[in-house]
């Protein structure tokens, strides 16, 4: 990390949802997150296949469903393990409109209150933790994912993402056309101007 930030002048880092079954809430990664928090780093998450994909994918393309749920799995792990509350200076970007996170947020919150509540500490709030993350629009943002995501986060937390080159250029162009045709959630903006302003706030060097 020191080499990436201090020598290469990186804007941020990318973390996979897990590495060989070690998800991001694992205690072994505590020094990594402590350093990222110290630097106020931008941390972009990206899914990979879960360790059980040979059975769970049912012979179908893993990115279709498995990636979406592996995103939800690792974000839930970060929340439940308290990584996000211990390291509030990290700026985390969740891909693909949050995967399954927006529709699971209240369920995760309920289970946190049931199993992590203590009479000696405040009741943990998963929804609050999820609301301060950033979310990109890669994939099938419309017509259903963006409305669900905007029930969880404000529009200033939304970023554009294309998933190119893993999403073929023609399909990425089709996704962009769908975004351009959609009404922005903030008056006086388009999705392009809104997500550009959000990206420039998160990554100031993109203003150049």
C-alpha atoms as a PDB file:
ATOM      1  CA  UNK A   1       0.000   0.000   0.000  1.00  0.00           C
ATOM      2  CA  UNK A   2       2.838   2.391   0.803  1.00  0.00           C
ATOM      3  CA  UNK A   3       4.329   1.774  -2.640  1.00  0.00           C
ATOM      4  CA  UNK A   4       0.963   2.196  -4.375  1.00  0.00           C
ATOM      5  CA  UNK A   5       0.103   5.467  -2.642  1.00  0.00           C
ATOM      6  CA  UNK A   6       3.511   7.033  -2.024  1.00  0.00           C
ATOM      7  CA  UNK A   7       5.415   5.922  -5.121  1.00  0.00           C
ATOM      8  CA  UNK A   8       2.726   5.303  -7.742  1.00  0.00           C
ATOM      9  CA  UNK A   9       0.426   8.068  -6.462  1.00  0.00           C
ATOM     10  CA  UNK A  10      -2.636   5.831  -6.642  1.00  0.00           C
ATOM     11  CA  UNK A  11      -6.112   7.331  -6.282  1.00  0.00           C
ATOM     12  CA  UNK A  12      -7.324   4.291  -4.337  1.00  0.00           C
ATOM     13  CA  UNK A  13      -7.291   0.523  -4.079  1.00  0.00           C
ATOM     14  CA  UNK A  14      -9.448  -2.339  -5.310  1.00  0.00           C
ATOM     15  CA  UNK A  15     -10.356  -5.234  -3.022  1.00  0.00           C
ATOM     16  CA  UNK A  16     -12.077  -8.415  -4.154  1.00  0.00           C
ATOM     17  CA  UNK A  17     -15.030  -9.567  -2.081  1.00  0.00           C
ATOM     18  CA  UNK A  18     -12.903 -12.445  -0.795  1.00  0.00           C
ATOM     19  CA  UNK A  19      -9.554 -14.103  -1.374  1.00  0.00           C
ATOM     20  CA  UNK A  20      -9.545 -17.886  -1.030  1.00  0.00           C
ATOM     21  CA  UNK A  21     -12.589 -17.676   1.208  1.00  0.00           C
ATOM     22  CA  UNK A  22     -11.296 -14.896   3.468  1.00  0.00           C
ATOM     23  CA  UNK A  23     -14.009 -12.215   3.386  1.00  0.00           C
ATOM     24  CA  UNK A  24     -13.362  -8.583   4.210  1.00  0.00           C
ATOM     25  CA  UNK A  25     -14.608  -8.655   7.786  1.00  0.00           C
ATOM     26  CA  UNK A  26     -11.981 -11.239   8.746  1.00  0.00           C
ATOM     27  CA  UNK A  27      -9.818 -10.196  11.689  1.00  0.00           C
ATOM     28  CA  UNK A  28      -6.643 -11.095   9.766  1.00  0.00           C
ATOM     29  CA  UNK A  29      -7.278  -8.049   7.544  1.00  0.00           C
ATOM     30  CA  UNK A  30      -7.405  -5.591  10.462  1.00  0.00           C
ATOM     31  CA  UNK A  31      -3.939  -4.100   9.690  1.00  0.00           C
ATOM     32  CA  UNK A  32      -4.969  -3.534   6.063  1.00  0.00           C
ATOM     33  CA  UNK A  33      -8.065  -1.566   7.018  1.00  0.00           C
ATOM     34  CA  UNK A  34      -6.227   0.342   9.734  1.00  0.00           C
ATOM     35  CA  UNK A  35      -3.747   1.595   7.142  1.00  0.00           C
ATOM     36  CA  UNK A  36      -6.447   2.386   4.575  1.00  0.00           C
ATOM     37  CA  UNK A  37      -8.330   4.328   7.222  1.00  0.00           C
ATOM     38  CA  UNK A  38      -5.189   6.209   8.273  1.00  0.00           C
ATOM     39  CA  UNK A  39      -4.762   7.322   4.675  1.00  0.00           C
ATOM     40  CA  UNK A  40      -8.457   8.141   4.175  1.00  0.00           C
ATOM     41  CA  UNK A  41      -8.260   5.871   1.150  1.00  0.00           C
ATOM     42  CA  UNK A  42     -10.848   5.273  -1.535  1.00  0.00           C
ATOM     43  CA  UNK A  43     -11.577   1.535  -1.502  1.00  0.00           C
ATOM     44  CA  UNK A  44     -13.394   0.037  -4.481  1.00  0.00           C
ATOM     45  CA  UNK A  45     -14.901  -3.401  -3.946  1.00  0.00           C
ATOM     46  CA  UNK A  46     -15.430  -5.889  -6.749  1.00  0.00           C
ATOM     47  CA  UNK A  47     -17.040  -9.306  -6.563  1.00  0.00           C
ATOM     48  CA  UNK A  48     -15.571 -12.632  -7.479  1.00  0.00           C
ATOM     49  CA  UNK A  49     -17.026 -16.131  -7.381  1.00  0.00           C
ATOM     50  CA  UNK A  50     -17.880 -17.476  -3.921  1.00  0.00           C
ATOM     51  CA  UNK A  51     -15.948 -20.479  -2.681  1.00  0.00           C
ATOM     52  CA  UNK A  52     -18.983 -22.726  -3.299  1.00  0.00           C
ATOM     53  CA  UNK A  53     -19.639 -21.553  -6.863  1.00  0.00           C
ATOM     54  CA  UNK A  54     -19.246 -25.042  -8.342  1.00  0.00           C
ATOM     55  CA  UNK A  55     -22.540 -25.966  -6.682  1.00  0.00           C
ATOM     56  CA  UNK A  56     -24.307 -22.650  -6.176  1.00  0.00           C
ATOM     57  CA  UNK A  57     -23.984 -21.374  -9.770  1.00  0.00           C
ATOM     58  CA  UNK A  58     -25.941 -24.386 -11.052  1.00  0.00           C
ATOM     59  CA  UNK A  59     -23.843 -24.426 -14.219  1.00  0.00           C
ATOM     60  CA  UNK A  60     -24.849 -20.893 -15.196  1.00  0.00           C
ATOM     61  CA  UNK A  61     -22.613 -17.813 -15.658  1.00  0.00           C
ATOM     62  CA  UNK A  62     -21.208 -16.822 -12.285  1.00  0.00           C
ATOM     63  CA  UNK A  63     -21.415 -13.030 -12.828  1.00  0.00           C
ATOM     64  CA  UNK A  64     -25.187 -13.266 -13.367  1.00  0.00           C
ATOM     65  CA  UNK A  65     -26.153 -14.026  -9.758  1.00  0.00           C
ATOM     66  CA  UNK A  66     -23.104 -15.167  -7.793  1.00  0.00           C
ATOM     67  CA  UNK A  67     -21.270 -11.832  -8.072  1.00  0.00           C
ATOM     68  CA  UNK A  68     -24.326  -9.920  -6.872  1.00  0.00           C
ATOM     69  CA  UNK A  69     -24.658 -12.033  -3.758  1.00  0.00           C
ATOM     70  CA  UNK A  70     -20.925 -12.162  -3.057  1.00  0.00           C
ATOM     71  CA  UNK A  71     -20.994  -8.364  -2.969  1.00  0.00           C
ATOM     72  CA  UNK A  72     -23.818  -8.487  -0.430  1.00  0.00           C
ATOM     73  CA  UNK A  73     -21.963 -11.170   1.536  1.00  0.00           C
ATOM     74  CA  UNK A  74     -18.744  -9.182   1.960  1.00  0.00           C
ATOM     75  CA  UNK A  75     -20.475  -5.840   2.618  1.00  0.00           C
ATOM     76  CA  UNK A  76     -22.605  -7.536   5.275  1.00  0.00           C
ATOM     77  CA  UNK A  77     -19.417  -9.005   6.728  1.00  0.00           C
ATOM     78  CA  UNK A  78     -17.829  -5.537   6.900  1.00  0.00           C
ATOM     79  CA  UNK A  79     -20.928  -4.213   8.673  1.00  0.00           C
ATOM     80  CA  UNK A  80     -21.381  -7.103  11.106  1.00  0.00           C
ATOM     81  CA  UNK A  81     -17.678  -7.207  11.984  1.00  0.00           C
ATOM     82  CA  UNK A  82     -17.648  -3.483  12.751  1.00  0.00           C
ATOM     83  CA  UNK A  83     -14.962  -2.684  10.172  1.00  0.00           C
ATOM     84  CA  UNK A  84     -16.818   0.334   8.814  1.00  0.00           C
ATOM     85  CA  UNK A  85     -17.495   1.873  12.217  1.00  0.00           C
ATOM     86  CA  UNK A  86     -13.892   1.355  13.365  1.00  0.00           C
ATOM     87  CA  UNK A  87     -12.525   2.915  10.171  1.00  0.00           C
ATOM     88  CA  UNK A  88     -14.827   5.810   9.244  1.00  0.00           C
ATOM     89  CA  UNK A  89     -12.225   7.679   7.162  1.00  0.00           C
ATOM     90  CA  UNK A  90     -12.210   5.009   4.448  1.00  0.00           C
ATOM     91  CA  UNK A  91     -14.394   5.868   1.483  1.00  0.00           C
ATOM     92  CA  UNK A  92     -15.841   2.621   0.192  1.00  0.00           C
ATOM     93  CA  UNK A  93     -17.402   2.147  -3.265  1.00  0.00           C
ATOM     94  CA  UNK A  94     -19.778  -0.802  -3.722  1.00  0.00           C
ATOM     95  CA  UNK A  95     -20.322  -1.923  -7.342  1.00  0.00           C
ATOM     96  CA  UNK A  96     -23.386  -2.889  -9.361  1.00  0.00           C
ATOM     97  CA  UNK A  97     -25.847  -0.661  -7.480  1.00  0.00           C
ATOM     98  CA  UNK A  98     -24.869  -2.464  -4.306  1.00  0.00           C
ATOM     99  CA  UNK A  99     -25.708  -5.911  -5.644  1.00  0.00           C
ATOM    100  CA  UNK A 100     -28.337  -7.360  -3.332  1.00  0.00           C
ATOM    101  CA  UNK A 101     -27.446  -4.944  -0.514  1.00  0.00           C
ATOM    102  CA  UNK A 102     -30.331  -2.429  -0.926  1.00  0.00           C
ATOM    103  CA  UNK A 103     -33.056  -5.047  -0.664  1.00  0.00           C
ATOM    104  CA  UNK A 104     -31.311  -6.857   2.207  1.00  0.00           C
ATOM    105  CA  UNK A 105     -30.421  -3.767   4.257  1.00  0.00           C
ATOM    106  CA  UNK A 106     -33.400  -3.893   6.610  1.00  0.00           C
ATOM    107  CA  UNK A 107     -33.053  -7.648   7.079  1.00  0.00           C
ATOM    108  CA  UNK A 108     -29.363  -7.295   7.979  1.00  0.00           C
ATOM    109  CA  UNK A 109     -30.243  -4.445  10.334  1.00  0.00           C
ATOM    110  CA  UNK A 110     -32.854  -6.562  12.098  1.00  0.00           C
ATOM    111  CA  UNK A 111     -30.458  -9.468  12.603  1.00  0.00           C
ATOM    112  CA  UNK A 112     -27.760  -7.113  13.906  1.00  0.00           C
ATOM    113  CA  UNK A 113     -30.168  -5.771  16.501  1.00  0.00           C
ATOM    114  CA  UNK A 114     -31.163  -9.308  17.501  1.00  0.00           C
ATOM    115  CA  UNK A 115     -27.703 -10.811  17.801  1.00  0.00           C
ATOM    116  CA  UNK A 116     -25.247  -7.958  18.390  1.00  0.00           C
ATOM    117  CA  UNK A 117     -27.212  -5.746  20.762  1.00  0.00           C
ATOM    118  CA  UNK A 118     -25.796  -5.253  24.240  1.00  0.00           C
ATOM    119  CA  UNK A 119     -27.173  -3.489  27.266  1.00  0.00           C
ATOM    120  CA  UNK A 120     -23.826  -1.758  27.654  1.00  0.00           C
ATOM    121  CA  UNK A 121     -23.489  -0.305  24.138  1.00  0.00           C
ATOM    122  CA  UNK A 122     -25.699   1.376  21.520  1.00  0.00           C
ATOM    123  CA  UNK A 123     -27.744  -0.858  19.242  1.00  0.00           C
ATOM    124  CA  UNK A 124     -25.764  -1.210  15.996  1.00  0.00           C
ATOM    125  CA  UNK A 125     -27.398   0.295  12.930  1.00  0.00           C
ATOM    126  CA  UNK A 126     -26.576  -1.468   9.663  1.00  0.00           C
ATOM    127  CA  UNK A 127     -28.660   0.901   7.546  1.00  0.00           C
ATOM    128  CA  UNK A 128     -26.697   3.925   8.776  1.00  0.00           C
ATOM    129  CA  UNK A 129     -23.414   2.189   7.903  1.00  0.00           C
ATOM    130  CA  UNK A 130     -24.686   1.318   4.420  1.00  0.00           C
ATOM    131  CA  UNK A 131     -25.957   4.842   3.772  1.00  0.00           C
ATOM    132  CA  UNK A 132     -22.489   6.381   4.038  1.00  0.00           C
ATOM    133  CA  UNK A 133     -20.965   4.085   1.397  1.00  0.00           C
ATOM    134  CA  UNK A 134     -20.756   4.988  -2.283  1.00  0.00           C
ATOM    135  CA  UNK A 135     -22.376   2.883  -5.015  1.00  0.00           C
ATOM    136  CA  UNK A 136     -21.656   2.619  -8.724  1.00  0.00           C
ATOM    137  CA  UNK A 137     -24.189   2.032 -11.515  1.00  0.00           C
ATOM    138  CA  UNK A 138     -22.372  -0.718 -13.420  1.00  0.00           C
ATOM    139  CA  UNK A 139     -24.643  -3.336 -14.946  1.00  0.00           C
ATOM    140  CA  UNK A 140     -28.415  -3.315 -15.223  1.00  0.00           C
ATOM    141  CA  UNK A 141     -29.078  -0.149 -13.221  1.00  0.00           C
ATOM    142  CA  UNK A 142     -32.519   0.417 -14.758  1.00  0.00           C
ATOM    143  CA  UNK A 143     -35.387  -0.068 -14.451  1.00  0.00           C
ATOM    144  CA  UNK A 144     -35.296  -1.746 -11.020  1.00  0.00           C
ATOM    145  CA  UNK A 145     -31.902  -1.539  -9.301  1.00  0.00           C
ATOM    146  CA  UNK A 146     -31.496   2.250  -9.115  1.00  0.00           C
ATOM    147  CA  UNK A 147     -34.929   2.842  -7.522  1.00  0.00           C
ATOM    148  CA  UNK A 148     -34.105   0.225  -4.876  1.00  0.00           C
ATOM    149  CA  UNK A 149     -30.682   1.763  -4.255  1.00  0.00           C
ATOM    150  CA  UNK A 150     -32.108   5.283  -3.914  1.00  0.00           C
ATOM    151  CA  UNK A 151     -34.364   3.985  -1.144  1.00  0.00           C
ATOM    152  CA  UNK A 152     -31.146   3.307   0.780  1.00  0.00           C
ATOM    153  CA  UNK A 153     -28.742   6.132  -0.156  1.00  0.00           C
ATOM    154  CA  UNK A 154     -28.927   9.746  -1.265  1.00  0.00           C
ATOM    155  CA  UNK A 155     -28.115  10.640  -4.858  1.00  0.00           C
ATOM    156  CA  UNK A 156     -24.793  12.223  -3.878  1.00  0.00           C
ATOM    157  CA  UNK A 157     -23.498   8.713  -3.141  1.00  0.00           C
ATOM    158  CA  UNK A 158     -24.034   7.379  -6.674  1.00  0.00           C
ATOM    159  CA  UNK A 159     -21.215   6.982  -9.207  1.00  0.00           C
ATOM    160  CA  UNK A 160     -21.130   5.895 -12.827  1.00  0.00           C
ATOM    161  CA  UNK A 161     -19.584   2.515 -13.640  1.00  0.00           C
ATOM    162  CA  UNK A 162     -19.492   0.660 -16.953  1.00  0.00           C
ATOM    163  CA  UNK A 163     -17.845  -2.679 -16.034  1.00  0.00           C
ATOM    164  CA  UNK A 164     -15.953  -2.421 -19.328  1.00  0.00           C
ATOM    165  CA  UNK A 165     -14.113  -4.514 -20.527  1.00  0.00           C
ATOM    166  CA  UNK A 166     -15.817  -7.425 -18.797  1.00  0.00           C
ATOM    167  CA  UNK A 167     -19.084  -6.024 -20.106  1.00  0.00           C
ATOM    168  CA  UNK A 168     -18.710  -5.935 -23.920  1.00  0.00           C
ATOM    169  CA  UNK A 169     -18.598  -2.435 -25.388  1.00  0.00           C
ATOM    170  CA  UNK A 170     -21.917  -2.765 -27.220  1.00  0.00           C
ATOM    171  CA  UNK A 171     -23.693  -3.805 -24.017  1.00  0.00           C
ATOM    172  CA  UNK A 172     -21.952  -1.065 -22.014  1.00  0.00           C
ATOM    173  CA  UNK A 173     -23.168   1.449 -24.618  1.00  0.00           C
ATOM    174  CA  UNK A 174     -26.708   0.096 -24.241  1.00  0.00           C
ATOM    175  CA  UNK A 175     -26.517   0.542 -20.464  1.00  0.00           C
ATOM    176  CA  UNK A 176     -25.295   4.126 -20.930  1.00  0.00           C
ATOM    177  CA  UNK A 177     -28.204   4.861 -23.282  1.00  0.00           C
ATOM    178  CA  UNK A 178     -30.623   3.606 -20.646  1.00  0.00           C
ATOM    179  CA  UNK A 179     -29.014   5.841 -18.019  1.00  0.00           C
ATOM    180  CA  UNK A 180     -29.111   8.872 -20.342  1.00  0.00           C
ATOM    181  CA  UNK A 181     -32.820   8.290 -20.964  1.00  0.00           C
ATOM    182  CA  UNK A 182     -33.668   8.135 -17.258  1.00  0.00           C
ATOM    183  CA  UNK A 183     -34.669  11.126 -15.171  1.00  0.00           C
ATOM    184  CA  UNK A 184     -32.073  12.254 -12.633  1.00  0.00           C
ATOM    185  CA  UNK A 185     -33.172  12.168  -8.981  1.00  0.00           C
ATOM    186  CA  UNK A 186     -31.812  15.684  -8.392  1.00  0.00           C
ATOM    187  CA  UNK A 187     -33.407  18.716 -10.028  1.00  0.00           C
ATOM    188  CA  UNK A 188     -31.219  20.609 -12.470  1.00  0.00           C
ATOM    189  CA  UNK A 189     -28.942  17.658 -13.164  1.00  0.00           C
ATOM    190  CA  UNK A 190     -28.635  14.746 -15.563  1.00  0.00           C
ATOM    191  CA  UNK A 191     -27.284  11.391 -14.500  1.00  0.00           C
ATOM    192  CA  UNK A 192     -24.034  12.348 -16.267  1.00  0.00           C
ATOM    193  CA  UNK A 193     -23.602  15.671 -14.482  1.00  0.00           C
ATOM    194  CA  UNK A 194     -24.661  14.210 -11.133  1.00  0.00           C
ATOM    195  CA  UNK A 195     -22.320  11.213 -11.200  1.00  0.00           C
ATOM    196  CA  UNK A 196     -19.468  13.344 -12.579  1.00  0.00           C
ATOM    197  CA  UNK A 197     -19.825  15.807  -9.695  1.00  0.00           C
ATOM    198  CA  UNK A 198     -19.957  12.923  -7.211  1.00  0.00           C
ATOM    199  CA  UNK A 199     -16.810  11.369  -8.684  1.00  0.00           C
ATOM    200  CA  UNK A 200     -14.975  14.686  -8.578  1.00  0.00           C
ATOM    201  CA  UNK A 201     -15.883  15.082  -4.926  1.00  0.00           C
ATOM    202  CA  UNK A 202     -14.592  11.614  -4.125  1.00  0.00           C
ATOM    203  CA  UNK A 203     -11.530  11.776  -6.405  1.00  0.00           C
ATOM    204  CA  UNK A 204     -10.544  15.456  -6.639  1.00  0.00           C
ATOM    205  CA  UNK A 205      -7.790  14.843  -9.190  1.00  0.00           C
ATOM    206  CA  UNK A 206     -10.435  13.885 -11.770  1.00  0.00           C
ATOM    207  CA  UNK A 207     -11.346  17.589 -11.942  1.00  0.00           C
ATOM    208  CA  UNK A 208      -8.225  18.262 -14.019  1.00  0.00           C
END
